[in-house]
């Protein structure tokens, strides 16, 4: 294999967009003379992830993070743009018979461990399903042994295989979800807020488990979260999303030490700091605009203290400024 191929990112998303038609039924629109309504959930998102690294996407609820996750694993078809995994156009491949092989290499861990596990199935059946579906194991004895190995790899006992999901705590259920995702020996895991439904102490256990598995198996992660403390613990790079678009993309240390975009600064200012006890925290100002009627120009301009007339009429593009990719006219013009 040549050096350029080796150095190429494992994951590359280019201008990904997803639009949902949320219009009222046709007859209602005719009678009420209302136009169709389109929701631009994701609008032109692009990033790269190198093998064995973690990119975290952060932002307030409704900014499009989970839609990006579903686009990458093929649960949604993109309205525009493409996603390449190991140089292969995944959405084109998913429509072919060879797409099953690609799906083995890309797996997802869902947000809610209470909703993502079938309550009528034993753990044995839940973890074994991808092994059976992809024909990776044959024979009941070998299947039981492989399920036991997967459960052990996430800190559970092989004896847990005969139990049902309701007999486990939230953290244990998420470990079962991780074991299921690891069953096909994936290379890329899309993690959609995998710890947000868990207690803080359990979150740390699951995050440490995921980091250990990444080191042992060379996994590549897209980690989605709204918790910046979690993101600082697990990520190599951080992308900040606002109303369907990336507004800042930088390596972890650069973003946390010297954030550039005003929205990123507001998010970081809202985090409680142990050395600032008694000091008033700066809340994130304003509300996220209605995504069905986004502001003109920069979507953040109604909440931004640095907004100018240009910000209100011209939408900024994500561009490199001082080693960081940021979409902000104020940063580009040197006003902040």
C-alpha atoms as a PDB file:
ATOM      1  CA  UNK A   1       0.000   0.000   0.000  1.00  0.00           C
ATOM      2  CA  UNK A   2       1.366   3.397  -0.933  1.00  0.00           C
ATOM      3  CA  UNK A   3       2.040   6.118   1.625  1.00  0.00           C
ATOM      4  CA  UNK A   4      -0.715   8.483   0.392  1.00  0.00           C
ATOM      5  CA  UNK A   5      -3.325   5.745   0.857  1.00  0.00           C
ATOM      6  CA  UNK A   6      -2.004   4.962   4.339  1.00  0.00           C
ATOM      7  CA  UNK A   7      -2.160   8.623   5.328  1.00  0.00           C
ATOM      8  CA  UNK A   8      -5.682   9.110   3.960  1.00  0.00           C
ATOM      9  CA  UNK A   9      -8.417   9.588   6.581  1.00  0.00           C
ATOM     10  CA  UNK A  10     -10.591   6.560   7.297  1.00  0.00           C
ATOM     11  CA  UNK A  11     -13.742   8.721   7.378  1.00  0.00           C
ATOM     12  CA  UNK A  12     -14.426  11.702   5.120  1.00  0.00           C
ATOM     13  CA  UNK A  13     -17.760  13.552   4.980  1.00  0.00           C
ATOM     14  CA  UNK A  14     -18.120  16.229   2.302  1.00  0.00           C
ATOM     15  CA  UNK A  15     -20.926  18.814   2.164  1.00  0.00           C
ATOM     16  CA  UNK A  16     -23.391  16.459   3.881  1.00  0.00           C
ATOM     17  CA  UNK A  17     -26.946  17.781   3.971  1.00  0.00           C
ATOM     18  CA  UNK A  18     -30.317  16.357   4.994  1.00  0.00           C
ATOM     19  CA  UNK A  19     -33.639  18.106   4.414  1.00  0.00           C
ATOM     20  CA  UNK A  20     -36.936  16.847   5.826  1.00  0.00           C
ATOM     21  CA  UNK A  21     -40.333  17.769   4.411  1.00  0.00           C
ATOM     22  CA  UNK A  22     -42.388  18.708   7.488  1.00  0.00           C
ATOM     23  CA  UNK A  23     -45.287  20.227   5.545  1.00  0.00           C
ATOM     24  CA  UNK A  24     -48.903  19.849   6.563  1.00  0.00           C
ATOM     25  CA  UNK A  25     -50.952  17.335   4.493  1.00  0.00           C
ATOM     26  CA  UNK A  26     -51.648  18.415   0.909  1.00  0.00           C
ATOM     27  CA  UNK A  27     -55.349  19.171   1.458  1.00  0.00           C
ATOM     28  CA  UNK A  28     -54.597  21.346   4.503  1.00  0.00           C
ATOM     29  CA  UNK A  29     -52.024  23.305   2.509  1.00  0.00           C
ATOM     30  CA  UNK A  30     -54.517  23.892  -0.320  1.00  0.00           C
ATOM     31  CA  UNK A  31     -57.368  24.976   1.978  1.00  0.00           C
ATOM     32  CA  UNK A  32     -55.160  27.161   4.177  1.00  0.00           C
ATOM     33  CA  UNK A  33     -52.984  28.375   1.267  1.00  0.00           C
ATOM     34  CA  UNK A  34     -49.816  27.426   3.089  1.00  0.00           C
ATOM     35  CA  UNK A  35     -46.543  26.579   1.296  1.00  0.00           C
ATOM     36  CA  UNK A  36     -44.492  23.458   1.874  1.00  0.00           C
ATOM     37  CA  UNK A  37     -42.159  23.595   4.853  1.00  0.00           C
ATOM     38  CA  UNK A  38     -38.651  22.165   4.639  1.00  0.00           C
ATOM     39  CA  UNK A  39     -36.419  21.551   7.655  1.00  0.00           C
ATOM     40  CA  UNK A  40     -32.697  21.745   6.863  1.00  0.00           C
ATOM     41  CA  UNK A  41     -31.541  19.483   9.706  1.00  0.00           C
ATOM     42  CA  UNK A  42     -27.975  19.227   8.361  1.00  0.00           C
ATOM     43  CA  UNK A  43     -26.645  21.750   5.874  1.00  0.00           C
ATOM     44  CA  UNK A  44     -23.190  21.341   4.360  1.00  0.00           C
ATOM     45  CA  UNK A  45     -21.288  19.492   7.089  1.00  0.00           C
ATOM     46  CA  UNK A  46     -17.813  18.184   6.251  1.00  0.00           C
ATOM     47  CA  UNK A  47     -15.020  16.621   8.321  1.00  0.00           C
ATOM     48  CA  UNK A  48     -12.330  13.936   8.342  1.00  0.00           C
ATOM     49  CA  UNK A  49     -11.382  11.342  10.969  1.00  0.00           C
ATOM     50  CA  UNK A  50      -8.098   9.483  10.876  1.00  0.00           C
ATOM     51  CA  UNK A  51      -7.894   5.830  11.825  1.00  0.00           C
ATOM     52  CA  UNK A  52      -7.831   5.262  15.587  1.00  0.00           C
ATOM     53  CA  UNK A  53      -8.913   8.823  16.434  1.00  0.00           C
ATOM     54  CA  UNK A  54     -12.087  10.367  17.865  1.00  0.00           C
ATOM     55  CA  UNK A  55     -14.002  13.329  16.479  1.00  0.00           C
ATOM     56  CA  UNK A  56     -16.607  14.754  18.846  1.00  0.00           C
ATOM     57  CA  UNK A  57     -19.587  16.765  17.629  1.00  0.00           C
ATOM     58  CA  UNK A  58     -21.081  19.123  20.203  1.00  0.00           C
ATOM     59  CA  UNK A  59     -23.906  21.635  20.255  1.00  0.00           C
ATOM     60  CA  UNK A  60     -27.269  22.399  21.772  1.00  0.00           C
ATOM     61  CA  UNK A  61     -30.227  20.059  21.291  1.00  0.00           C
ATOM     62  CA  UNK A  62     -31.672  20.228  17.785  1.00  0.00           C
ATOM     63  CA  UNK A  63     -28.460  21.340  16.055  1.00  0.00           C
ATOM     64  CA  UNK A  64     -28.338  18.244  13.811  1.00  0.00           C
ATOM     65  CA  UNK A  65     -25.768  16.049  15.594  1.00  0.00           C
ATOM     66  CA  UNK A  66     -27.919  12.901  15.672  1.00  0.00           C
ATOM     67  CA  UNK A  67     -28.962  13.421  12.044  1.00  0.00           C
ATOM     68  CA  UNK A  68     -25.273  13.388  11.070  1.00  0.00           C
ATOM     69  CA  UNK A  69     -24.888  10.096  12.971  1.00  0.00           C
ATOM     70  CA  UNK A  70     -27.800   8.512  11.113  1.00  0.00           C
ATOM     71  CA  UNK A  71     -26.457   9.728   7.773  1.00  0.00           C
ATOM     72  CA  UNK A  72     -23.103   8.047   8.410  1.00  0.00           C
ATOM     73  CA  UNK A  73     -24.573   4.628   9.245  1.00  0.00           C
ATOM     74  CA  UNK A  74     -27.054   4.665   6.363  1.00  0.00           C
ATOM     75  CA  UNK A  75     -30.259   5.134   8.356  1.00  0.00           C
ATOM     76  CA  UNK A  76     -30.876   8.333   6.340  1.00  0.00           C
ATOM     77  CA  UNK A  77     -30.084   9.089   2.699  1.00  0.00           C
ATOM     78  CA  UNK A  78     -28.311  12.431   2.307  1.00  0.00           C
ATOM     79  CA  UNK A  79     -30.090  15.171   0.368  1.00  0.00           C
ATOM     80  CA  UNK A  80     -26.668  16.399  -0.793  1.00  0.00           C
ATOM     81  CA  UNK A  81     -23.010  15.553  -0.361  1.00  0.00           C
ATOM     82  CA  UNK A  82     -21.315  12.239   0.264  1.00  0.00           C
ATOM     83  CA  UNK A  83     -19.630  10.152   2.929  1.00  0.00           C
ATOM     84  CA  UNK A  84     -16.564   8.055   2.133  1.00  0.00           C
ATOM     85  CA  UNK A  85     -15.299   5.295   4.371  1.00  0.00           C
ATOM     86  CA  UNK A  86     -11.820   3.983   3.583  1.00  0.00           C
ATOM     87  CA  UNK A  87     -12.124   5.680   0.182  1.00  0.00           C
ATOM     88  CA  UNK A  88     -15.461   4.023  -0.654  1.00  0.00           C
ATOM     89  CA  UNK A  89     -18.703   5.904  -1.340  1.00  0.00           C
ATOM     90  CA  UNK A  90     -20.780   4.364   1.435  1.00  0.00           C
ATOM     91  CA  UNK A  91     -24.281   5.433   0.395  1.00  0.00           C
ATOM     92  CA  UNK A  92     -23.752   4.024  -3.085  1.00  0.00           C
ATOM     93  CA  UNK A  93     -22.325   0.822  -1.555  1.00  0.00           C
ATOM     94  CA  UNK A  94     -25.206   0.434   0.911  1.00  0.00           C
ATOM     95  CA  UNK A  95     -27.564  -0.032  -2.049  1.00  0.00           C
ATOM     96  CA  UNK A  96     -25.560  -2.950  -3.457  1.00  0.00           C
ATOM     97  CA  UNK A  97     -25.200  -6.567  -2.250  1.00  0.00           C
ATOM     98  CA  UNK A  98     -21.655  -5.702  -1.148  1.00  0.00           C
ATOM     99  CA  UNK A  99     -23.127  -3.152   1.270  1.00  0.00           C
ATOM    100  CA  UNK A 100     -23.505  -5.849   3.938  1.00  0.00           C
ATOM    101  CA  UNK A 101     -19.731  -6.172   4.126  1.00  0.00           C
ATOM    102  CA  UNK A 102     -19.432  -2.418   4.623  1.00  0.00           C
ATOM    103  CA  UNK A 103     -22.110  -2.399   7.343  1.00  0.00           C
ATOM    104  CA  UNK A 104     -20.018  -4.872   9.311  1.00  0.00           C
ATOM    105  CA  UNK A 105     -17.245  -2.273   9.468  1.00  0.00           C
ATOM    106  CA  UNK A 106     -19.516   0.607  10.588  1.00  0.00           C
ATOM    107  CA  UNK A 107     -21.657   0.222  13.710  1.00  0.00           C
ATOM    108  CA  UNK A 108     -23.628   2.530  15.978  1.00  0.00           C
ATOM    109  CA  UNK A 109     -24.192   2.864  19.723  1.00  0.00           C
ATOM    110  CA  UNK A 110     -27.507   4.543  20.460  1.00  0.00           C
ATOM    111  CA  UNK A 111     -28.323   7.130  23.108  1.00  0.00           C
ATOM    112  CA  UNK A 112     -30.936   5.332  25.209  1.00  0.00           C
ATOM    113  CA  UNK A 113     -29.930   1.878  26.526  1.00  0.00           C
ATOM    114  CA  UNK A 114     -33.514   1.380  27.711  1.00  0.00           C
ATOM    115  CA  UNK A 115     -34.992   1.804  24.214  1.00  0.00           C
ATOM    116  CA  UNK A 116     -32.262   0.251  22.051  1.00  0.00           C
ATOM    117  CA  UNK A 117     -32.450  -3.275  23.555  1.00  0.00           C
ATOM    118  CA  UNK A 118     -35.403  -5.573  22.843  1.00  0.00           C
ATOM    119  CA  UNK A 119     -36.982  -6.230  26.284  1.00  0.00           C
ATOM    120  CA  UNK A 120     -38.334  -9.625  25.147  1.00  0.00           C
ATOM    121  CA  UNK A 121     -34.931 -10.996  24.130  1.00  0.00           C
ATOM    122  CA  UNK A 122     -32.273 -12.451  26.376  1.00  0.00           C
ATOM    123  CA  UNK A 123     -28.825 -10.857  26.249  1.00  0.00           C
ATOM    124  CA  UNK A 124     -27.586 -13.954  24.401  1.00  0.00           C
ATOM    125  CA  UNK A 125     -30.007 -13.260  21.528  1.00  0.00           C
ATOM    126  CA  UNK A 126     -29.315  -9.498  21.487  1.00  0.00           C
ATOM    127  CA  UNK A 127     -25.533  -9.847  21.179  1.00  0.00           C
ATOM    128  CA  UNK A 128     -25.773 -12.858  18.865  1.00  0.00           C
ATOM    129  CA  UNK A 129     -28.088 -11.168  16.345  1.00  0.00           C
ATOM    130  CA  UNK A 130     -25.360  -9.403  14.282  1.00  0.00           C
ATOM    131  CA  UNK A 131     -23.203 -12.552  14.391  1.00  0.00           C
ATOM    132  CA  UNK A 132     -26.062 -14.594  12.909  1.00  0.00           C
ATOM    133  CA  UNK A 133     -27.197 -11.877  10.485  1.00  0.00           C
ATOM    134  CA  UNK A 134     -23.723 -11.554   8.949  1.00  0.00           C
ATOM    135  CA  UNK A 135     -22.951 -15.274   9.088  1.00  0.00           C
ATOM    136  CA  UNK A 136     -19.872 -14.783  11.256  1.00  0.00           C
ATOM    137  CA  UNK A 137     -20.450 -17.785  13.533  1.00  0.00           C
ATOM    138  CA  UNK A 138     -21.960 -21.208  12.916  1.00  0.00           C
ATOM    139  CA  UNK A 139     -23.021 -23.664  15.593  1.00  0.00           C
ATOM    140  CA  UNK A 140     -24.807 -22.994  18.886  1.00  0.00           C
ATOM    141  CA  UNK A 141     -21.780 -23.803  21.065  1.00  0.00           C
ATOM    142  CA  UNK A 142     -19.433 -21.505  19.136  1.00  0.00           C
ATOM    143  CA  UNK A 143     -22.092 -18.780  19.194  1.00  0.00           C
ATOM    144  CA  UNK A 144     -22.462 -19.006  22.990  1.00  0.00           C
ATOM    145  CA  UNK A 145     -18.698 -18.882  23.405  1.00  0.00           C
ATOM    146  CA  UNK A 146     -18.378 -15.800  21.174  1.00  0.00           C
ATOM    147  CA  UNK A 147     -21.201 -13.996  23.020  1.00  0.00           C
ATOM    148  CA  UNK A 148     -19.461 -14.781  26.323  1.00  0.00           C
ATOM    149  CA  UNK A 149     -16.202 -13.304  24.991  1.00  0.00           C
ATOM    150  CA  UNK A 150     -17.981 -10.135  23.892  1.00  0.00           C
ATOM    151  CA  UNK A 151     -19.660  -9.728  27.264  1.00  0.00           C
ATOM    152  CA  UNK A 152     -16.326 -10.194  29.031  1.00  0.00           C
ATOM    153  CA  UNK A 153     -14.723  -7.585  26.779  1.00  0.00           C
ATOM    154  CA  UNK A 154     -17.162  -4.958  28.120  1.00  0.00           C
ATOM    155  CA  UNK A 155     -16.833  -5.944  31.776  1.00  0.00           C
ATOM    156  CA  UNK A 156     -19.817  -8.287  32.082  1.00  0.00           C
ATOM    157  CA  UNK A 157     -19.955 -12.016  32.846  1.00  0.00           C
ATOM    158  CA  UNK A 158     -20.759 -14.760  30.307  1.00  0.00           C
ATOM    159  CA  UNK A 159     -23.413 -15.905  32.803  1.00  0.00           C
ATOM    160  CA  UNK A 160     -25.287 -12.643  32.103  1.00  0.00           C
ATOM    161  CA  UNK A 161     -26.226 -13.994  28.677  1.00  0.00           C
ATOM    162  CA  UNK A 162     -29.318 -15.791  30.027  1.00  0.00           C
ATOM    163  CA  UNK A 163     -30.767 -12.652  31.640  1.00  0.00           C
ATOM    164  CA  UNK A 164     -33.151 -10.037  30.192  1.00  0.00           C
ATOM    165  CA  UNK A 165     -32.395  -6.299  29.783  1.00  0.00           C
ATOM    166  CA  UNK A 166     -34.735  -5.279  32.626  1.00  0.00           C
ATOM    167  CA  UNK A 167     -32.489  -7.168  35.048  1.00  0.00           C
ATOM    168  CA  UNK A 168     -29.585  -4.760  34.412  1.00  0.00           C
ATOM    169  CA  UNK A 169     -28.799  -1.182  35.404  1.00  0.00           C
ATOM    170  CA  UNK A 170     -28.522   1.582  32.802  1.00  0.00           C
ATOM    171  CA  UNK A 171     -24.732   1.368  32.678  1.00  0.00           C
ATOM    172  CA  UNK A 172     -24.836  -2.408  32.256  1.00  0.00           C
ATOM    173  CA  UNK A 173     -27.390  -2.073  29.457  1.00  0.00           C
ATOM    174  CA  UNK A 174     -25.107   0.317  27.621  1.00  0.00           C
ATOM    175  CA  UNK A 175     -22.276  -2.205  27.998  1.00  0.00           C
ATOM    176  CA  UNK A 176     -24.554  -4.771  26.334  1.00  0.00           C
ATOM    177  CA  UNK A 177     -25.168  -2.276  23.506  1.00  0.00           C
ATOM    178  CA  UNK A 178     -21.414  -1.830  23.101  1.00  0.00           C
ATOM    179  CA  UNK A 179     -20.893  -5.617  23.047  1.00  0.00           C
ATOM    180  CA  UNK A 180     -23.523  -5.901  20.306  1.00  0.00           C
ATOM    181  CA  UNK A 181     -21.823  -3.147  18.288  1.00  0.00           C
ATOM    182  CA  UNK A 182     -18.430  -4.886  18.625  1.00  0.00           C
ATOM    183  CA  UNK A 183     -19.758  -8.261  17.481  1.00  0.00           C
ATOM    184  CA  UNK A 184     -18.937  -7.682  13.790  1.00  0.00           C
ATOM    185  CA  UNK A 185     -15.350  -6.468  14.476  1.00  0.00           C
ATOM    186  CA  UNK A 186     -16.137  -2.914  13.278  1.00  0.00           C
ATOM    187  CA  UNK A 187     -13.502  -0.302  12.516  1.00  0.00           C
ATOM    188  CA  UNK A 188     -15.728   2.766  12.916  1.00  0.00           C
ATOM    189  CA  UNK A 189     -18.235   3.342  15.725  1.00  0.00           C
ATOM    190  CA  UNK A 190     -20.788   6.148  15.625  1.00  0.00           C
ATOM    191  CA  UNK A 191     -21.685   6.938  19.251  1.00  0.00           C
ATOM    192  CA  UNK A 192     -24.840   9.033  19.603  1.00  0.00           C
ATOM    193  CA  UNK A 193     -24.677  10.474  23.149  1.00  0.00           C
ATOM    194  CA  UNK A 194     -23.960   7.009  24.609  1.00  0.00           C
ATOM    195  CA  UNK A 195     -23.663   8.260  28.206  1.00  0.00           C
ATOM    196  CA  UNK A 196     -26.301  11.012  28.387  1.00  0.00           C
ATOM    197  CA  UNK A 197     -28.944   8.725  29.945  1.00  0.00           C
ATOM    198  CA  UNK A 198     -26.560   7.476  32.649  1.00  0.00           C
ATOM    199  CA  UNK A 199     -25.579   8.715  36.113  1.00  0.00           C
ATOM    200  CA  UNK A 200     -22.327  10.685  36.293  1.00  0.00           C
ATOM    201  CA  UNK A 201     -20.373   7.914  38.073  1.00  0.00           C
ATOM    202  CA  UNK A 202     -21.573   5.340  35.536  1.00  0.00           C
ATOM    203  CA  UNK A 203     -20.739   7.710  32.666  1.00  0.00           C
ATOM    204  CA  UNK A 204     -17.073   7.650  33.701  1.00  0.00           C
ATOM    205  CA  UNK A 205     -17.025   3.832  33.723  1.00  0.00           C
ATOM    206  CA  UNK A 206     -18.550   3.581  30.240  1.00  0.00           C
ATOM    207  CA  UNK A 207     -16.262   6.290  28.820  1.00  0.00           C
ATOM    208  CA  UNK A 208     -13.161   4.596  30.239  1.00  0.00           C
ATOM    209  CA  UNK A 209     -14.363   1.292  28.777  1.00  0.00           C
ATOM    210  CA  UNK A 210     -14.758   2.906  25.342  1.00  0.00           C
ATOM    211  CA  UNK A 211     -11.278   4.422  25.515  1.00  0.00           C
ATOM    212  CA  UNK A 212      -9.784   1.057  26.528  1.00  0.00           C
ATOM    213  CA  UNK A 213     -11.565  -0.688  23.641  1.00  0.00           C
ATOM    214  CA  UNK A 214     -10.307   1.987  21.250  1.00  0.00           C
ATOM    215  CA  UNK A 215      -6.704   1.376  22.311  1.00  0.00           C
ATOM    216  CA  UNK A 216      -7.035  -2.417  22.217  1.00  0.00           C
ATOM    217  CA  UNK A 217      -8.892  -2.703  18.899  1.00  0.00           C
ATOM    218  CA  UNK A 218      -7.781   0.436  17.055  1.00  0.00           C
ATOM    219  CA  UNK A 219     -11.340   1.744  16.787  1.00  0.00           C
ATOM    220  CA  UNK A 220     -12.255   5.064  15.193  1.00  0.00           C
ATOM    221  CA  UNK A 221     -15.081   7.037  16.845  1.00  0.00           C
ATOM    222  CA  UNK A 222     -17.517   9.758  15.940  1.00  0.00           C
ATOM    223  CA  UNK A 223     -18.661  10.779  19.413  1.00  0.00           C
ATOM    224  CA  UNK A 224     -21.772  12.941  19.695  1.00  0.00           C
ATOM    225  CA  UNK A 225     -22.481  14.777  22.930  1.00  0.00           C
ATOM    226  CA  UNK A 226     -23.750  18.020  24.418  1.00  0.00           C
ATOM    227  CA  UNK A 227     -21.518  17.543  27.484  1.00  0.00           C
ATOM    228  CA  UNK A 228     -18.237  19.391  26.947  1.00  0.00           C
ATOM    229  CA  UNK A 229     -16.589  17.750  29.971  1.00  0.00           C
ATOM    230  CA  UNK A 230     -17.196  14.342  28.387  1.00  0.00           C
ATOM    231  CA  UNK A 231     -15.931  15.585  25.030  1.00  0.00           C
ATOM    232  CA  UNK A 232     -12.696  16.841  26.591  1.00  0.00           C
ATOM    233  CA  UNK A 233     -12.122  13.380  28.060  1.00  0.00           C
ATOM    234  CA  UNK A 234     -12.631  11.295  24.915  1.00  0.00           C
ATOM    235  CA  UNK A 235     -11.907  13.381  21.801  1.00  0.00           C
ATOM    236  CA  UNK A 236      -8.929  14.173  19.606  1.00  0.00           C
ATOM    237  CA  UNK A 237     -10.814  16.719  17.495  1.00  0.00           C
ATOM    238  CA  UNK A 238     -13.981  18.690  18.246  1.00  0.00           C
ATOM    239  CA  UNK A 239     -16.581  20.031  15.843  1.00  0.00           C
ATOM    240  CA  UNK A 240     -19.099  22.584  17.136  1.00  0.00           C
ATOM    241  CA  UNK A 241     -22.484  22.544  15.401  1.00  0.00           C
ATOM    242  CA  UNK A 242     -25.141  25.238  15.341  1.00  0.00           C
ATOM    243  CA  UNK A 243     -28.458  24.967  13.505  1.00  0.00           C
ATOM    244  CA  UNK A 244     -27.300  22.226  11.143  1.00  0.00           C
ATOM    245  CA  UNK A 245     -23.879  23.644  10.285  1.00  0.00           C
ATOM    246  CA  UNK A 246     -20.341  23.320  11.623  1.00  0.00           C
ATOM    247  CA  UNK A 247     -19.181  26.661  13.031  1.00  0.00           C
ATOM    248  CA  UNK A 248     -15.794  25.557  14.397  1.00  0.00           C
ATOM    249  CA  UNK A 249     -13.556  22.518  13.911  1.00  0.00           C
ATOM    250  CA  UNK A 250     -10.259  22.181  15.761  1.00  0.00           C
ATOM    251  CA  UNK A 251      -8.129  19.779  17.734  1.00  0.00           C
ATOM    252  CA  UNK A 252      -9.254  19.359  21.342  1.00  0.00           C
ATOM    253  CA  UNK A 253      -6.510  21.356  23.076  1.00  0.00           C
ATOM    254  CA  UNK A 254      -6.786  24.303  20.688  1.00  0.00           C
ATOM    255  CA  UNK A 255     -10.556  24.488  21.006  1.00  0.00           C
ATOM    256  CA  UNK A 256     -10.665  24.326  24.799  1.00  0.00           C
ATOM    257  CA  UNK A 257      -7.654  26.591  25.362  1.00  0.00           C
ATOM    258  CA  UNK A 258      -8.377  29.223  22.695  1.00  0.00           C
ATOM    259  CA  UNK A 259     -11.897  28.977  21.218  1.00  0.00           C
ATOM    260  CA  UNK A 260     -12.433  31.253  18.235  1.00  0.00           C
ATOM    261  CA  UNK A 261     -16.156  31.265  17.368  1.00  0.00           C
ATOM    262  CA  UNK A 262     -18.396  33.332  19.712  1.00  0.00           C
ATOM    263  CA  UNK A 263     -20.783  30.386  20.094  1.00  0.00           C
ATOM    264  CA  UNK A 264     -17.947  28.075  21.192  1.00  0.00           C
ATOM    265  CA  UNK A 265     -16.833  30.712  23.698  1.00  0.00           C
ATOM    266  CA  UNK A 266     -20.354  30.945  25.119  1.00  0.00           C
ATOM    267  CA  UNK A 267     -20.592  27.162  25.506  1.00  0.00           C
ATOM    268  CA  UNK A 268     -17.243  27.009  27.319  1.00  0.00           C
ATOM    269  CA  UNK A 269     -18.064  30.000  29.545  1.00  0.00           C
ATOM    270  CA  UNK A 270     -21.181  28.156  30.742  1.00  0.00           C
ATOM    271  CA  UNK A 271     -19.133  25.242  32.146  1.00  0.00           C
ATOM    272  CA  UNK A 272     -18.658  25.372  35.954  1.00  0.00           C
ATOM    273  CA  UNK A 273     -14.957  25.620  36.847  1.00  0.00           C
ATOM    274  CA  UNK A 274     -13.586  24.417  40.183  1.00  0.00           C
ATOM    275  CA  UNK A 275     -11.281  27.431  40.562  1.00  0.00           C
ATOM    276  CA  UNK A 276     -14.104  29.900  39.916  1.00  0.00           C
ATOM    277  CA  UNK A 277     -16.218  28.948  42.935  1.00  0.00           C
ATOM    278  CA  UNK A 278     -18.483  31.856  43.864  1.00  0.00           C
ATOM    279  CA  UNK A 279     -17.947  33.570  40.521  1.00  0.00           C
ATOM    280  CA  UNK A 280     -21.047  34.192  38.422  1.00  0.00           C
ATOM    281  CA  UNK A 281     -21.224  31.891  35.407  1.00  0.00           C
ATOM    282  CA  UNK A 282     -21.957  33.281  31.961  1.00  0.00           C
ATOM    283  CA  UNK A 283     -25.080  31.591  30.633  1.00  0.00           C
ATOM    284  CA  UNK A 284     -25.485  30.872  26.927  1.00  0.00           C
ATOM    285  CA  UNK A 285     -27.440  33.931  25.800  1.00  0.00           C
ATOM    286  CA  UNK A 286     -30.731  33.800  23.926  1.00  0.00           C
ATOM    287  CA  UNK A 287     -32.573  30.888  22.367  1.00  0.00           C
ATOM    288  CA  UNK A 288     -31.866  28.730  19.347  1.00  0.00           C
ATOM    289  CA  UNK A 289     -33.895  30.180  16.434  1.00  0.00           C
ATOM    290  CA  UNK A 290     -36.749  28.244  14.856  1.00  0.00           C
ATOM    291  CA  UNK A 291     -34.995  25.886  12.388  1.00  0.00           C
ATOM    292  CA  UNK A 292     -37.970  26.219  10.024  1.00  0.00           C
ATOM    293  CA  UNK A 293     -37.329  29.980   9.832  1.00  0.00           C
ATOM    294  CA  UNK A 294     -33.585  30.442  10.356  1.00  0.00           C
ATOM    295  CA  UNK A 295     -32.133  33.964  10.428  1.00  0.00           C
ATOM    296  CA  UNK A 296     -30.613  35.366   7.271  1.00  0.00           C
ATOM    297  CA  UNK A 297     -26.840  35.545   7.049  1.00  0.00           C
ATOM    298  CA  UNK A 298     -25.072  33.885   9.966  1.00  0.00           C
ATOM    299  CA  UNK A 299     -27.570  31.769  11.921  1.00  0.00           C
ATOM    300  CA  UNK A 300     -25.914  32.835  15.185  1.00  0.00           C
ATOM    301  CA  UNK A 301     -26.147  36.589  14.563  1.00  0.00           C
ATOM    302  CA  UNK A 302     -29.266  37.261  16.772  1.00  0.00           C
ATOM    303  CA  UNK A 303     -27.337  35.922  19.802  1.00  0.00           C
ATOM    304  CA  UNK A 304     -23.849  37.152  18.928  1.00  0.00           C
ATOM    305  CA  UNK A 305     -22.361  40.221  20.669  1.00  0.00           C
ATOM    306  CA  UNK A 306     -19.984  40.753  17.721  1.00  0.00           C
ATOM    307  CA  UNK A 307     -22.579  40.663  14.908  1.00  0.00           C
ATOM    308  CA  UNK A 308     -22.244  43.291  12.180  1.00  0.00           C
ATOM    309  CA  UNK A 309     -24.392  44.147   9.172  1.00  0.00           C
ATOM    310  CA  UNK A 310     -22.380  41.670   7.090  1.00  0.00           C
ATOM    311  CA  UNK A 311     -23.247  38.915   9.596  1.00  0.00           C
ATOM    312  CA  UNK A 312     -26.964  39.642   9.105  1.00  0.00           C
ATOM    313  CA  UNK A 313     -26.924  39.328   5.323  1.00  0.00           C
ATOM    314  CA  UNK A 314     -24.019  37.026   4.353  1.00  0.00           C
ATOM    315  CA  UNK A 315     -23.652  33.462   5.614  1.00  0.00           C
ATOM    316  CA  UNK A 316     -20.039  32.689   6.605  1.00  0.00           C
ATOM    317  CA  UNK A 317     -18.284  29.614   5.263  1.00  0.00           C
ATOM    318  CA  UNK A 318     -16.037  27.257   7.242  1.00  0.00           C
ATOM    319  CA  UNK A 319     -12.463  28.274   6.462  1.00  0.00           C
ATOM    320  CA  UNK A 320      -9.003  27.925   7.956  1.00  0.00           C
ATOM    321  CA  UNK A 321      -8.044  30.825  10.239  1.00  0.00           C
ATOM    322  CA  UNK A 322      -4.870  30.423  12.297  1.00  0.00           C
ATOM    323  CA  UNK A 323      -4.857  26.618  12.186  1.00  0.00           C
ATOM    324  CA  UNK A 324      -8.557  26.339  13.092  1.00  0.00           C
ATOM    325  CA  UNK A 325     -11.510  25.964  10.747  1.00  0.00           C
ATOM    326  CA  UNK A 326     -14.135  28.505  11.754  1.00  0.00           C
ATOM    327  CA  UNK A 327     -17.241  30.029  10.129  1.00  0.00           C
ATOM    328  CA  UNK A 328     -17.319  33.583  11.481  1.00  0.00           C
ATOM    329  CA  UNK A 329     -16.995  36.981   9.804  1.00  0.00           C
ATOM    330  CA  UNK A 330     -15.798  38.605  13.030  1.00  0.00           C
ATOM    331  CA  UNK A 331     -12.920  36.111  13.345  1.00  0.00           C
ATOM    332  CA  UNK A 332     -12.085  36.461   9.646  1.00  0.00           C
ATOM    333  CA  UNK A 333     -11.992  40.265   9.927  1.00  0.00           C
ATOM    334  CA  UNK A 334      -9.917  40.174  13.130  1.00  0.00           C
ATOM    335  CA  UNK A 335     -12.616  41.848  15.258  1.00  0.00           C
ATOM    336  CA  UNK A 336     -12.300  39.103  17.918  1.00  0.00           C
END
